[in-house]
Amino acid sequence: MLKRGRVALVIALALVGSIVIEAQQPAGAPYPSPEHKKLSVFVGTWKDDAELKSGPFGPDGKILITETCDWFTGGFSLVCHSESTGLTEGKALSMLNYDPEEKVYTFYELNSFGLTNSAKGTVDGDTWTFNGDVKMGGKLIKTRFTITLPSPDFATMKSEMSVDGSSWNLVMQLKGSRIKQSLTDLNSCPHSSEGWVFQCFPIWLGLH
């Protein structure tokens, strides 16, 4: 009974959402906005080399990551899969979307360590900055990861943590190279296109 009630609630929310969308735009199926399409910069398959920095949040070491992202049906979101080897081995599933109400990008991840992570971000030119919170040892730690794409097939990322929200500790630096470009039309956003997983930082949290 509870399961059927939850399904009915999801359907009702979807119907309400579709009514609101239809009231705000011309009749017809909803379509991805230019903000949604900016996520296409991550589409492709990438190999990442990550270096963890020793400090109050953990030891140093290297991680190799294979990252893949697919457009979810409709072209509004990316669904990403990653697998890491090296200092820590694990898998992660993450989702990227754009929230037109808050005008921010949203990130959500779950991984094979049983942990979850979420963040909100903005983009300025070729730089994406995401901020979030995570609990470690009963304390709320602020997280920040910044991704820069100086060229279409190369990306760098740095992950930082802060206890007080003002002083930041560099936790990880990453360099990624695109090894496979999607052959599909990004504007049509089919479910079968391949791409780059957004970030590996929460995987490292599984060490704790």
N, C-alpha and C. Protein backbone atom coordinates (compact mmCIF):
# COMPACT_ATOMS: atom_id res chain seq x y z
N MET A 1 0.84 -1.20 0.00
CA MET A 1 0.00 0.00 0.00
C MET A 1 0.88 1.26 0.00
N LEU A 2 1.92 1.26 0.85
CA LEU A 2 2.80 2.42 0.92
C LEU A 2 3.49 2.66 -0.41
N LYS A 3 3.94 1.57 -1.04
CA LYS A 3 4.63 1.70 -2.32
C LYS A 3 3.71 2.28 -3.37
N ARG A 4 2.43 1.80 -3.41
CA ARG A 4 1.48 2.32 -4.39
C ARG A 4 1.20 3.78 -4.13
N GLY A 5 1.14 4.17 -2.84
CA GLY A 5 0.90 5.56 -2.51
C GLY A 5 2.02 6.46 -2.96
N ARG A 6 3.27 5.99 -2.84
CA ARG A 6 4.41 6.78 -3.28
C ARG A 6 4.43 6.93 -4.79
N VAL A 7 4.08 5.86 -5.50
CA VAL A 7 4.02 5.93 -6.96
C VAL A 7 2.97 6.94 -7.40
N ALA A 8 1.79 6.91 -6.72
CA ALA A 8 0.73 7.85 -7.07
C ALA A 8 1.18 9.29 -6.83
N LEU A 9 1.95 9.51 -5.75
CA LEU A 9 2.43 10.86 -5.45
C LEU A 9 3.39 11.33 -6.52
N VAL A 10 4.29 10.47 -6.97
CA VAL A 10 5.24 10.84 -8.02
C VAL A 10 4.49 11.20 -9.30
N ILE A 11 3.47 10.41 -9.66
CA ILE A 11 2.70 10.70 -10.88
C ILE A 11 1.98 12.03 -10.75
N ALA A 12 1.40 12.29 -9.57
CA ALA A 12 0.69 13.54 -9.35
C ALA A 12 1.63 14.74 -9.46
N LEU A 13 2.83 14.64 -8.89
CA LEU A 13 3.80 15.73 -8.97
C LEU A 13 4.24 15.95 -10.41
N ALA A 14 4.40 14.87 -11.17
CA ALA A 14 4.79 15.00 -12.57
C ALA A 14 3.72 15.72 -13.37
N LEU A 15 2.45 15.41 -13.08
CA LEU A 15 1.35 16.06 -13.78
C LEU A 15 1.28 17.54 -13.45
N VAL A 16 1.47 17.87 -12.16
CA VAL A 16 1.46 19.28 -11.76
C VAL A 16 2.60 20.03 -12.44
N GLY A 17 3.78 19.40 -12.48
CA GLY A 17 4.92 20.03 -13.13
C GLY A 17 4.67 20.28 -14.60
N SER A 18 4.06 19.32 -15.28
CA SER A 18 3.80 19.49 -16.71
C SER A 18 2.79 20.60 -16.96
N ILE A 19 1.81 20.76 -16.06
CA ILE A 19 0.82 21.83 -16.21
C ILE A 19 1.49 23.19 -16.08
N VAL A 20 2.41 23.32 -15.08
CA VAL A 20 3.12 24.58 -14.88
C VAL A 20 3.97 24.91 -16.09
N ILE A 21 4.67 23.92 -16.64
CA ILE A 21 5.52 24.14 -17.81
C ILE A 21 4.70 24.57 -19.00
N GLU A 22 3.56 23.91 -19.22
CA GLU A 22 2.71 24.24 -20.35
C GLU A 22 2.15 25.65 -20.23
N ALA A 23 1.93 26.09 -18.99
CA ALA A 23 1.38 27.44 -18.79
C ALA A 23 2.42 28.52 -19.06
N GLN A 24 3.71 28.15 -18.98
CA GLN A 24 4.77 29.14 -19.12
C GLN A 24 5.37 29.18 -20.51
N GLN A 25 5.03 28.25 -21.39
CA GLN A 25 5.61 28.23 -22.72
C GLN A 25 4.58 27.73 -23.72
N PRO A 26 4.81 27.93 -25.01
CA PRO A 26 3.86 27.51 -26.03
C PRO A 26 3.55 26.02 -25.93
N ALA A 27 2.39 25.64 -26.46
CA ALA A 27 1.97 24.25 -26.42
C ALA A 27 2.99 23.36 -27.10
N GLY A 28 3.12 22.12 -26.62
CA GLY A 28 4.09 21.20 -27.18
C GLY A 28 4.97 20.64 -26.09
N ALA A 29 5.78 19.67 -26.46
CA ALA A 29 6.66 19.04 -25.48
C ALA A 29 7.70 20.02 -24.97
N PRO A 30 8.05 19.98 -23.67
CA PRO A 30 9.10 20.86 -23.14
C PRO A 30 10.44 20.53 -23.80
N TYR A 31 11.30 21.49 -23.89
CA TYR A 31 12.58 21.28 -24.56
C TYR A 31 13.69 21.89 -23.70
N PRO A 32 14.91 21.35 -23.81
CA PRO A 32 16.03 21.85 -23.01
C PRO A 32 16.34 23.31 -23.32
N SER A 33 16.66 24.06 -22.29
CA SER A 33 17.03 25.46 -22.45
C SER A 33 18.52 25.56 -22.81
N PRO A 34 18.98 26.75 -23.20
CA PRO A 34 20.41 26.94 -23.45
C PRO A 34 21.26 26.58 -22.23
N GLU A 35 20.71 26.81 -21.03
CA GLU A 35 21.45 26.46 -19.81
C GLU A 35 21.63 24.95 -19.69
N HIS A 36 20.58 24.19 -20.02
CA HIS A 36 20.69 22.73 -20.00
C HIS A 36 21.76 22.27 -20.99
N LYS A 37 21.75 22.88 -22.18
CA LYS A 37 22.66 22.44 -23.24
C LYS A 37 24.12 22.74 -22.93
N LYS A 38 24.38 23.65 -21.98
CA LYS A 38 25.76 23.92 -21.60
C LYS A 38 26.44 22.69 -21.00
N LEU A 39 25.63 21.77 -20.48
CA LEU A 39 26.18 20.54 -19.91
C LEU A 39 26.85 19.67 -20.97
N SER A 40 26.62 19.98 -22.24
CA SER A 40 27.19 19.18 -23.32
C SER A 40 28.72 19.21 -23.33
N VAL A 41 29.33 20.19 -22.65
CA VAL A 41 30.79 20.25 -22.62
C VAL A 41 31.40 19.02 -21.94
N PHE A 42 30.60 18.32 -21.13
CA PHE A 42 31.10 17.15 -20.43
C PHE A 42 30.86 15.85 -21.20
N VAL A 43 30.15 15.92 -22.30
CA VAL A 43 29.82 14.72 -23.06
C VAL A 43 31.07 14.20 -23.77
N GLY A 44 31.28 12.91 -23.71
CA GLY A 44 32.46 12.24 -24.24
C GLY A 44 32.90 11.19 -23.23
N THR A 45 33.95 10.47 -23.44
CA THR A 45 34.52 9.56 -22.46
C THR A 45 35.91 10.06 -22.09
N TRP A 46 36.18 10.12 -20.82
CA TRP A 46 37.41 10.74 -20.32
C TRP A 46 38.21 9.79 -19.44
N LYS A 47 39.53 9.99 -19.44
CA LYS A 47 40.44 9.33 -18.51
C LYS A 47 41.03 10.41 -17.61
N ASP A 48 40.94 10.20 -16.31
CA ASP A 48 41.37 11.21 -15.35
C ASP A 48 42.50 10.70 -14.46
N ASP A 49 43.47 11.57 -14.21
CA ASP A 49 44.53 11.31 -13.24
C ASP A 49 44.32 12.26 -12.08
N ALA A 50 44.09 11.69 -10.89
CA ALA A 50 43.82 12.51 -9.71
C ALA A 50 44.92 12.30 -8.67
N GLU A 51 45.28 13.38 -8.01
CA GLU A 51 46.29 13.33 -6.95
C GLU A 51 45.69 13.88 -5.66
N LEU A 52 45.60 13.01 -4.66
CA LEU A 52 45.09 13.42 -3.36
C LEU A 52 46.20 14.07 -2.55
N LYS A 53 45.87 15.12 -1.80
CA LYS A 53 46.83 15.84 -0.99
C LYS A 53 46.69 15.41 0.47
N SER A 54 47.81 15.12 1.12
CA SER A 54 47.75 14.75 2.54
C SER A 54 47.38 15.96 3.37
N GLY A 55 46.64 15.72 4.43
CA GLY A 55 46.21 16.82 5.29
C GLY A 55 45.25 16.33 6.34
N PRO A 56 44.49 17.24 6.94
CA PRO A 56 43.57 16.86 8.01
C PRO A 56 42.43 15.95 7.55
N PHE A 57 42.21 15.85 6.23
CA PHE A 57 41.08 15.05 5.75
C PHE A 57 41.50 13.70 5.18
N GLY A 58 42.81 13.41 5.17
CA GLY A 58 43.21 12.10 4.68
C GLY A 58 44.62 12.07 4.14
N PRO A 59 45.08 10.88 3.68
CA PRO A 59 46.44 10.71 3.17
C PRO A 59 46.56 11.14 1.71
N ASP A 60 47.82 11.17 1.23
CA ASP A 60 48.02 11.49 -0.17
C ASP A 60 48.06 10.19 -0.99
N GLY A 61 47.97 10.33 -2.30
CA GLY A 61 47.98 9.16 -3.17
C GLY A 61 47.41 9.52 -4.53
N LYS A 62 47.47 8.57 -5.44
CA LYS A 62 46.99 8.78 -6.80
C LYS A 62 45.81 7.88 -7.10
N ILE A 63 44.89 8.38 -7.93
CA ILE A 63 43.71 7.63 -8.35
C ILE A 63 43.57 7.79 -9.86
N LEU A 64 43.29 6.68 -10.54
CA LEU A 64 42.97 6.71 -11.96
C LEU A 64 41.48 6.49 -12.12
N ILE A 65 40.85 7.30 -12.94
CA ILE A 65 39.39 7.27 -13.06
C ILE A 65 38.97 7.18 -14.52
N THR A 66 38.04 6.29 -14.80
CA THR A 66 37.39 6.23 -16.10
C THR A 66 35.98 6.78 -15.92
N GLU A 67 35.59 7.76 -16.70
CA GLU A 67 34.33 8.48 -16.48
C GLU A 67 33.48 8.47 -17.75
N THR A 68 32.21 8.21 -17.59
CA THR A 68 31.27 8.18 -18.71
C THR A 68 29.96 8.84 -18.33
N CYS A 69 29.44 9.74 -19.17
CA CYS A 69 28.15 10.39 -18.95
C CYS A 69 27.24 10.19 -20.15
N ASP A 70 25.97 9.95 -19.91
CA ASP A 70 24.96 9.84 -20.96
C ASP A 70 23.90 10.91 -20.75
N TRP A 71 23.38 11.46 -21.84
CA TRP A 71 22.20 12.31 -21.74
C TRP A 71 21.03 11.43 -21.32
N PHE A 72 20.30 11.85 -20.31
CA PHE A 72 19.07 11.15 -19.94
C PHE A 72 17.98 11.54 -20.94
N THR A 73 17.01 10.65 -21.13
CA THR A 73 15.94 10.88 -22.08
C THR A 73 15.33 12.27 -21.90
N GLY A 74 15.24 13.03 -22.98
CA GLY A 74 14.69 14.37 -22.94
C GLY A 74 15.75 15.44 -23.07
N GLY A 75 16.99 15.12 -22.68
CA GLY A 75 18.08 16.07 -22.83
C GLY A 75 18.17 17.13 -21.76
N PHE A 76 17.53 16.93 -20.61
CA PHE A 76 17.60 17.91 -19.53
C PHE A 76 18.70 17.59 -18.52
N SER A 77 19.12 16.34 -18.46
CA SER A 77 20.05 15.90 -17.43
C SER A 77 21.11 14.97 -17.99
N LEU A 78 22.25 14.93 -17.30
CA LEU A 78 23.29 13.95 -17.59
C LEU A 78 23.30 12.91 -16.48
N VAL A 79 23.40 11.64 -16.86
CA VAL A 79 23.56 10.55 -15.90
C VAL A 79 24.97 10.00 -16.10
N CYS A 80 25.75 10.00 -15.03
CA CYS A 80 27.18 9.73 -15.16
C CYS A 80 27.60 8.53 -14.32
N HIS A 81 28.53 7.74 -14.87
CA HIS A 81 29.09 6.58 -14.18
C HIS A 81 30.60 6.71 -14.14
N SER A 82 31.21 6.37 -13.01
CA SER A 82 32.67 6.42 -12.90
C SER A 82 33.18 5.19 -12.16
N GLU A 83 34.44 4.85 -12.45
CA GLU A 83 35.11 3.75 -11.77
C GLU A 83 36.54 4.18 -11.50
N SER A 84 36.99 4.00 -10.26
CA SER A 84 38.31 4.45 -9.86
C SER A 84 39.18 3.29 -9.41
N THR A 85 40.49 3.41 -9.64
CA THR A 85 41.48 2.44 -9.16
C THR A 85 42.66 3.23 -8.59
N GLY A 86 43.48 2.53 -7.82
CA GLY A 86 44.62 3.21 -7.21
C GLY A 86 44.50 3.22 -5.71
N LEU A 87 44.66 4.40 -5.10
CA LEU A 87 44.59 4.52 -3.64
C LEU A 87 43.25 4.01 -3.12
N THR A 88 42.19 4.29 -3.86
CA THR A 88 40.87 3.78 -3.50
C THR A 88 40.17 3.27 -4.74
N GLU A 89 39.43 2.18 -4.60
CA GLU A 89 38.72 1.59 -5.72
C GLU A 89 37.22 1.65 -5.43
N GLY A 90 36.45 2.09 -6.39
CA GLY A 90 35.02 2.18 -6.19
C GLY A 90 34.30 2.63 -7.44
N LYS A 91 32.99 2.67 -7.35
CA LYS A 91 32.16 3.12 -8.45
C LYS A 91 31.19 4.18 -7.94
N ALA A 92 30.76 5.04 -8.85
CA ALA A 92 29.83 6.11 -8.47
C ALA A 92 28.84 6.37 -9.59
N LEU A 93 27.66 6.78 -9.19
CA LEU A 93 26.60 7.21 -10.11
C LEU A 93 26.25 8.65 -9.74
N SER A 94 26.31 9.55 -10.71
CA SER A 94 25.98 10.94 -10.43
C SER A 94 25.06 11.51 -11.48
N MET A 95 24.37 12.60 -11.13
CA MET A 95 23.41 13.24 -12.02
C MET A 95 23.64 14.75 -12.02
N LEU A 96 23.57 15.34 -13.20
CA LEU A 96 23.73 16.77 -13.37
C LEU A 96 22.50 17.34 -14.04
N ASN A 97 22.05 18.49 -13.56
CA ASN A 97 20.85 19.10 -14.11
C ASN A 97 20.95 20.62 -13.94
N TYR A 98 19.99 21.32 -14.51
CA TYR A 98 19.89 22.77 -14.30
C TYR A 98 18.53 23.06 -13.68
N ASP A 99 18.53 23.86 -12.61
CA ASP A 99 17.30 24.23 -11.92
C ASP A 99 16.91 25.64 -12.36
N PRO A 100 15.89 25.77 -13.22
CA PRO A 100 15.50 27.10 -13.71
C PRO A 100 14.88 27.98 -12.64
N GLU A 101 14.37 27.40 -11.56
CA GLU A 101 13.78 28.19 -10.49
C GLU A 101 14.87 28.92 -9.70
N GLU A 102 15.92 28.18 -9.32
CA GLU A 102 17.01 28.78 -8.55
C GLU A 102 18.12 29.33 -9.44
N LYS A 103 18.04 28.98 -10.72
CA LYS A 103 19.06 29.40 -11.70
C LYS A 103 20.45 28.92 -11.29
N VAL A 104 20.52 27.67 -10.92
CA VAL A 104 21.80 27.04 -10.57
C VAL A 104 21.83 25.63 -11.17
N TYR A 105 23.04 25.11 -11.32
CA TYR A 105 23.20 23.73 -11.72
C TYR A 105 23.21 22.87 -10.46
N THR A 106 22.68 21.66 -10.57
CA THR A 106 22.61 20.77 -9.41
C THR A 106 23.39 19.50 -9.70
N PHE A 107 24.01 18.98 -8.67
CA PHE A 107 24.80 17.75 -8.76
C PHE A 107 24.37 16.83 -7.62
N TYR A 108 24.18 15.54 -7.94
CA TYR A 108 23.86 14.57 -6.90
C TYR A 108 24.61 13.28 -7.21
N GLU A 109 25.22 12.68 -6.18
CA GLU A 109 25.97 11.45 -6.38
C GLU A 109 25.71 10.44 -5.28
N LEU A 110 25.72 9.17 -5.65
CA LEU A 110 25.80 8.07 -4.70
C LEU A 110 26.91 7.15 -5.17
N ASN A 111 27.59 6.49 -4.22
CA ASN A 111 28.73 5.65 -4.61
C ASN A 111 28.71 4.31 -3.91
N SER A 112 29.68 3.48 -4.28
CA SER A 112 29.74 2.11 -3.77
C SER A 112 30.19 2.03 -2.32
N PHE A 113 30.52 3.17 -1.71
CA PHE A 113 30.86 3.21 -0.29
C PHE A 113 29.63 3.47 0.58
N GLY A 114 28.46 3.61 -0.07
CA GLY A 114 27.24 3.88 0.67
C GLY A 114 27.05 5.33 1.03
N LEU A 115 27.83 6.23 0.41
CA LEU A 115 27.75 7.66 0.71
C LEU A 115 27.02 8.40 -0.41
N THR A 116 26.47 9.55 -0.07
CA THR A 116 25.83 10.42 -1.05
C THR A 116 26.42 11.82 -0.92
N ASN A 117 26.29 12.58 -1.98
CA ASN A 117 26.82 13.94 -1.97
C ASN A 117 26.00 14.79 -2.92
N SER A 118 25.77 16.03 -2.56
CA SER A 118 25.03 16.95 -3.43
C SER A 118 25.69 18.32 -3.38
N ALA A 119 25.50 19.08 -4.45
CA ALA A 119 26.09 20.41 -4.53
C ALA A 119 25.32 21.25 -5.55
N LYS A 120 25.50 22.57 -5.45
CA LYS A 120 24.90 23.50 -6.40
C LYS A 120 26.01 24.34 -6.99
N GLY A 121 25.86 24.66 -8.30
CA GLY A 121 26.95 25.37 -8.93
C GLY A 121 26.55 26.36 -10.00
N THR A 122 27.54 27.10 -10.45
CA THR A 122 27.37 28.09 -11.50
C THR A 122 28.50 27.92 -12.51
N VAL A 123 28.33 28.53 -13.68
CA VAL A 123 29.36 28.48 -14.71
C VAL A 123 29.70 29.90 -15.15
N ASP A 124 30.99 30.17 -15.31
CA ASP A 124 31.47 31.47 -15.77
C ASP A 124 32.52 31.20 -16.85
N GLY A 125 32.14 31.36 -18.10
CA GLY A 125 33.05 31.04 -19.19
C GLY A 125 33.33 29.56 -19.24
N ASP A 126 34.60 29.18 -19.09
CA ASP A 126 34.95 27.75 -19.12
C ASP A 126 35.19 27.19 -17.72
N THR A 127 34.73 27.91 -16.69
CA THR A 127 34.93 27.49 -15.30
C THR A 127 33.60 27.19 -14.62
N TRP A 128 33.51 25.99 -14.05
CA TRP A 128 32.33 25.55 -13.30
C TRP A 128 32.71 25.44 -11.83
N THR A 129 31.91 26.05 -10.95
CA THR A 129 32.19 26.01 -9.51
C THR A 129 30.97 25.47 -8.77
N PHE A 130 31.18 24.41 -7.97
CA PHE A 130 30.10 23.79 -7.21
C PHE A 130 30.43 23.84 -5.73
N ASN A 131 29.41 24.13 -4.90
CA ASN A 131 29.56 24.18 -3.45
C ASN A 131 28.53 23.26 -2.80
N GLY A 132 28.96 22.56 -1.76
CA GLY A 132 28.06 21.66 -1.05
C GLY A 132 28.49 21.47 0.39
N ASP A 133 27.82 20.56 1.09
CA ASP A 133 28.11 20.23 2.47
C ASP A 133 28.12 18.72 2.63
N VAL A 134 28.98 18.24 3.52
CA VAL A 134 29.01 16.81 3.82
C VAL A 134 29.35 16.64 5.30
N LYS A 135 28.78 15.61 5.94
CA LYS A 135 29.06 15.35 7.35
C LYS A 135 30.21 14.36 7.46
N MET A 136 31.21 14.71 8.28
CA MET A 136 32.35 13.85 8.54
C MET A 136 32.65 13.89 10.03
N GLY A 137 32.62 12.74 10.69
CA GLY A 137 32.91 12.71 12.12
C GLY A 137 31.94 13.53 12.94
N GLY A 138 30.70 13.62 12.47
CA GLY A 138 29.69 14.39 13.18
C GLY A 138 29.75 15.88 12.92
N LYS A 139 30.70 16.32 12.08
CA LYS A 139 30.84 17.74 11.77
C LYS A 139 30.38 18.02 10.35
N LEU A 140 29.81 19.19 10.15
CA LEU A 140 29.38 19.59 8.82
C LEU A 140 30.55 20.29 8.13
N ILE A 141 31.03 19.68 7.07
CA ILE A 141 32.18 20.20 6.33
C ILE A 141 31.70 20.78 5.00
N LYS A 142 32.18 21.97 4.68
CA LYS A 142 31.84 22.58 3.40
C LYS A 142 32.80 22.08 2.33
N THR A 143 32.26 21.81 1.15
CA THR A 143 33.06 21.33 0.03
C THR A 143 32.94 22.28 -1.15
N ARG A 144 33.99 22.32 -1.94
CA ARG A 144 33.98 23.15 -3.15
C ARG A 144 34.86 22.48 -4.20
N PHE A 145 34.30 22.28 -5.38
CA PHE A 145 35.14 21.78 -6.47
C PHE A 145 34.96 22.67 -7.69
N THR A 146 36.09 22.95 -8.32
CA THR A 146 36.14 23.88 -9.45
C THR A 146 36.71 23.16 -10.66
N ILE A 147 35.96 23.17 -11.75
CA ILE A 147 36.37 22.51 -12.98
C ILE A 147 36.61 23.57 -14.04
N THR A 148 37.74 23.48 -14.72
CA THR A 148 38.06 24.39 -15.81
C THR A 148 38.35 23.57 -17.07
N LEU A 149 37.77 24.02 -18.20
CA LEU A 149 37.98 23.35 -19.47
C LEU A 149 38.66 24.32 -20.44
N PRO A 150 40.00 24.41 -20.40
CA PRO A 150 40.70 25.34 -21.27
C PRO A 150 40.62 24.97 -22.75
N SER A 151 40.32 23.69 -23.03
CA SER A 151 40.12 23.24 -24.41
C SER A 151 39.04 22.17 -24.40
N PRO A 152 38.42 21.87 -25.55
CA PRO A 152 37.31 20.91 -25.58
C PRO A 152 37.66 19.52 -25.06
N ASP A 153 38.92 19.10 -25.18
CA ASP A 153 39.29 17.74 -24.80
C ASP A 153 40.22 17.67 -23.60
N PHE A 154 40.25 18.73 -22.81
CA PHE A 154 41.11 18.74 -21.64
C PHE A 154 40.41 19.48 -20.51
N ALA A 155 40.53 18.94 -19.29
CA ALA A 155 39.88 19.58 -18.14
C ALA A 155 40.76 19.41 -16.90
N THR A 156 40.67 20.38 -16.01
CA THR A 156 41.34 20.28 -14.72
C THR A 156 40.30 20.51 -13.63
N MET A 157 40.56 19.96 -12.46
CA MET A 157 39.65 20.15 -11.34
C MET A 157 40.43 20.19 -10.04
N LYS A 158 39.99 21.03 -9.12
CA LYS A 158 40.54 21.02 -7.77
C LYS A 158 39.39 20.92 -6.78
N SER A 159 39.58 20.10 -5.76
CA SER A 159 38.58 19.91 -4.72
C SER A 159 39.12 20.45 -3.40
N GLU A 160 38.27 21.16 -2.69
CA GLU A 160 38.67 21.79 -1.44
C GLU A 160 37.64 21.51 -0.35
N MET A 161 38.09 21.56 0.91
CA MET A 161 37.22 21.39 2.06
C MET A 161 37.48 22.50 3.07
N SER A 162 36.44 22.85 3.81
CA SER A 162 36.57 23.87 4.84
C SER A 162 35.72 23.52 6.05
N VAL A 163 36.30 23.70 7.23
CA VAL A 163 35.55 23.46 8.47
C VAL A 163 34.78 24.70 8.88
N ASP A 164 35.38 25.88 8.69
CA ASP A 164 34.74 27.12 9.13
C ASP A 164 34.12 27.91 7.98
N GLY A 165 34.31 27.47 6.73
CA GLY A 165 33.71 28.16 5.60
C GLY A 165 34.52 29.34 5.08
N SER A 166 35.66 29.61 5.73
CA SER A 166 36.49 30.74 5.29
C SER A 166 37.89 30.29 4.85
N SER A 167 38.51 29.38 5.62
CA SER A 167 39.81 28.84 5.23
C SER A 167 39.60 27.49 4.56
N TRP A 168 40.23 27.31 3.38
CA TRP A 168 40.01 26.11 2.57
C TRP A 168 41.29 25.28 2.48
N ASN A 169 41.11 23.95 2.52
CA ASN A 169 42.21 23.01 2.36
C ASN A 169 42.10 22.33 1.01
N LEU A 170 43.18 22.34 0.23
CA LEU A 170 43.19 21.65 -1.05
C LEU A 170 43.26 20.15 -0.78
N VAL A 171 42.28 19.41 -1.27
CA VAL A 171 42.19 17.97 -1.02
C VAL A 171 42.64 17.16 -2.24
N MET A 172 42.31 17.64 -3.43
CA MET A 172 42.62 16.86 -4.62
C MET A 172 42.77 17.76 -5.83
N GLN A 173 43.67 17.38 -6.74
CA GLN A 173 43.79 18.00 -8.05
C GLN A 173 43.66 16.92 -9.11
N LEU A 174 43.02 17.25 -10.22
CA LEU A 174 42.73 16.26 -11.25
C LEU A 174 42.98 16.84 -12.63
N LYS A 175 43.48 15.98 -13.54
CA LYS A 175 43.61 16.33 -14.94
C LYS A 175 42.89 15.26 -15.75
N GLY A 176 42.03 15.69 -16.68
CA GLY A 176 41.27 14.75 -17.47
C GLY A 176 41.42 15.00 -18.96
N SER A 177 41.49 13.92 -19.73
CA SER A 177 41.58 14.01 -21.18
C SER A 177 40.45 13.22 -21.82
N ARG A 178 39.79 13.85 -22.79
CA ARG A 178 38.69 13.18 -23.49
C ARG A 178 39.29 12.18 -24.47
N ILE A 179 38.84 10.92 -24.37
CA ILE A 179 39.35 9.88 -25.26
C ILE A 179 38.31 9.43 -26.27
N LYS A 180 37.07 9.87 -26.09
CA LYS A 180 36.01 9.49 -27.02
C LYS A 180 34.96 10.58 -27.06
N GLN A 181 34.72 11.12 -28.23
CA GLN A 181 33.71 12.16 -28.41
C GLN A 181 32.40 11.52 -28.87
N SER A 182 31.29 12.01 -28.35
CA SER A 182 29.99 11.50 -28.76
C SER A 182 29.78 11.76 -30.24
N LEU A 183 29.20 10.79 -30.93
CA LEU A 183 28.91 10.93 -32.35
C LEU A 183 27.47 11.32 -32.60
N THR A 184 26.72 11.55 -31.54
CA THR A 184 25.31 11.87 -31.67
C THR A 184 25.09 13.37 -31.69
N ASP A 185 23.92 13.79 -32.11
CA ASP A 185 23.56 15.21 -32.14
C ASP A 185 23.24 15.66 -30.72
N LEU A 186 24.06 16.53 -30.15
CA LEU A 186 23.86 16.95 -28.77
C LEU A 186 22.54 17.70 -28.60
N ASN A 187 22.07 18.37 -29.64
CA ASN A 187 20.83 19.13 -29.51
C ASN A 187 19.62 18.21 -29.38
N SER A 188 19.72 17.00 -29.93
CA SER A 188 18.60 16.07 -29.81
C SER A 188 18.65 15.34 -28.48
N CYS A 189 19.83 15.29 -27.85
CA CYS A 189 20.01 14.71 -26.51
C CYS A 189 19.43 13.31 -26.37
N PRO A 190 19.79 12.36 -27.21
CA PRO A 190 19.27 11.01 -27.06
C PRO A 190 19.87 10.33 -25.84
N HIS A 191 19.24 9.26 -25.40
CA HIS A 191 19.68 8.57 -24.20
C HIS A 191 20.98 7.80 -24.44
N SER A 192 21.35 7.57 -25.70
CA SER A 192 22.46 6.67 -25.97
C SER A 192 23.80 7.37 -26.11
N SER A 193 23.85 8.70 -26.05
CA SER A 193 25.14 9.37 -26.19
C SER A 193 26.03 9.11 -25.00
N GLU A 194 27.34 9.21 -25.18
CA GLU A 194 28.28 8.91 -24.12
C GLU A 194 29.01 10.16 -23.68
N GLY A 195 29.48 10.16 -22.46
CA GLY A 195 30.14 11.37 -22.00
C GLY A 195 30.94 11.23 -20.73
N TRP A 196 31.28 12.36 -20.16
CA TRP A 196 32.26 12.46 -19.07
C TRP A 196 31.59 12.56 -17.73
N VAL A 197 32.01 11.76 -16.78
CA VAL A 197 31.49 11.89 -15.42
C VAL A 197 32.03 13.16 -14.80
N PHE A 198 31.23 13.76 -14.00
CA PHE A 198 31.51 15.12 -13.56
C PHE A 198 32.69 15.23 -12.63
N GLN A 199 32.75 14.43 -11.57
CA GLN A 199 33.86 14.58 -10.64
C GLN A 199 33.96 13.37 -9.75
N CYS A 200 35.17 13.17 -9.18
CA CYS A 200 35.44 11.95 -8.41
C CYS A 200 35.62 12.24 -6.93
N PHE A 201 35.56 13.48 -6.53
CA PHE A 201 35.90 13.84 -5.17
C PHE A 201 35.11 13.05 -4.12
N PRO A 202 33.76 12.89 -4.24
CA PRO A 202 33.05 12.15 -3.20
C PRO A 202 33.50 10.70 -3.07
N ILE A 203 34.09 10.11 -4.13
CA ILE A 203 34.57 8.75 -4.02
C ILE A 203 35.63 8.65 -2.93
N TRP A 204 36.51 9.68 -2.89
CA TRP A 204 37.57 9.69 -1.88
C TRP A 204 37.01 9.68 -0.48
N LEU A 205 35.84 10.25 -0.30
CA LEU A 205 35.25 10.32 1.04
C LEU A 205 34.99 8.93 1.59
N GLY A 206 34.90 7.91 0.71
CA GLY A 206 34.67 6.56 1.17
C GLY A 206 35.81 6.01 1.99
N LEU A 207 36.96 6.70 1.99
CA LEU A 207 38.09 6.25 2.80
C LEU A 207 37.84 6.48 4.28
N HIS A 208 36.85 7.32 4.59
CA HIS A 208 36.64 7.72 5.99
C HIS A 208 35.45 6.99 6.58
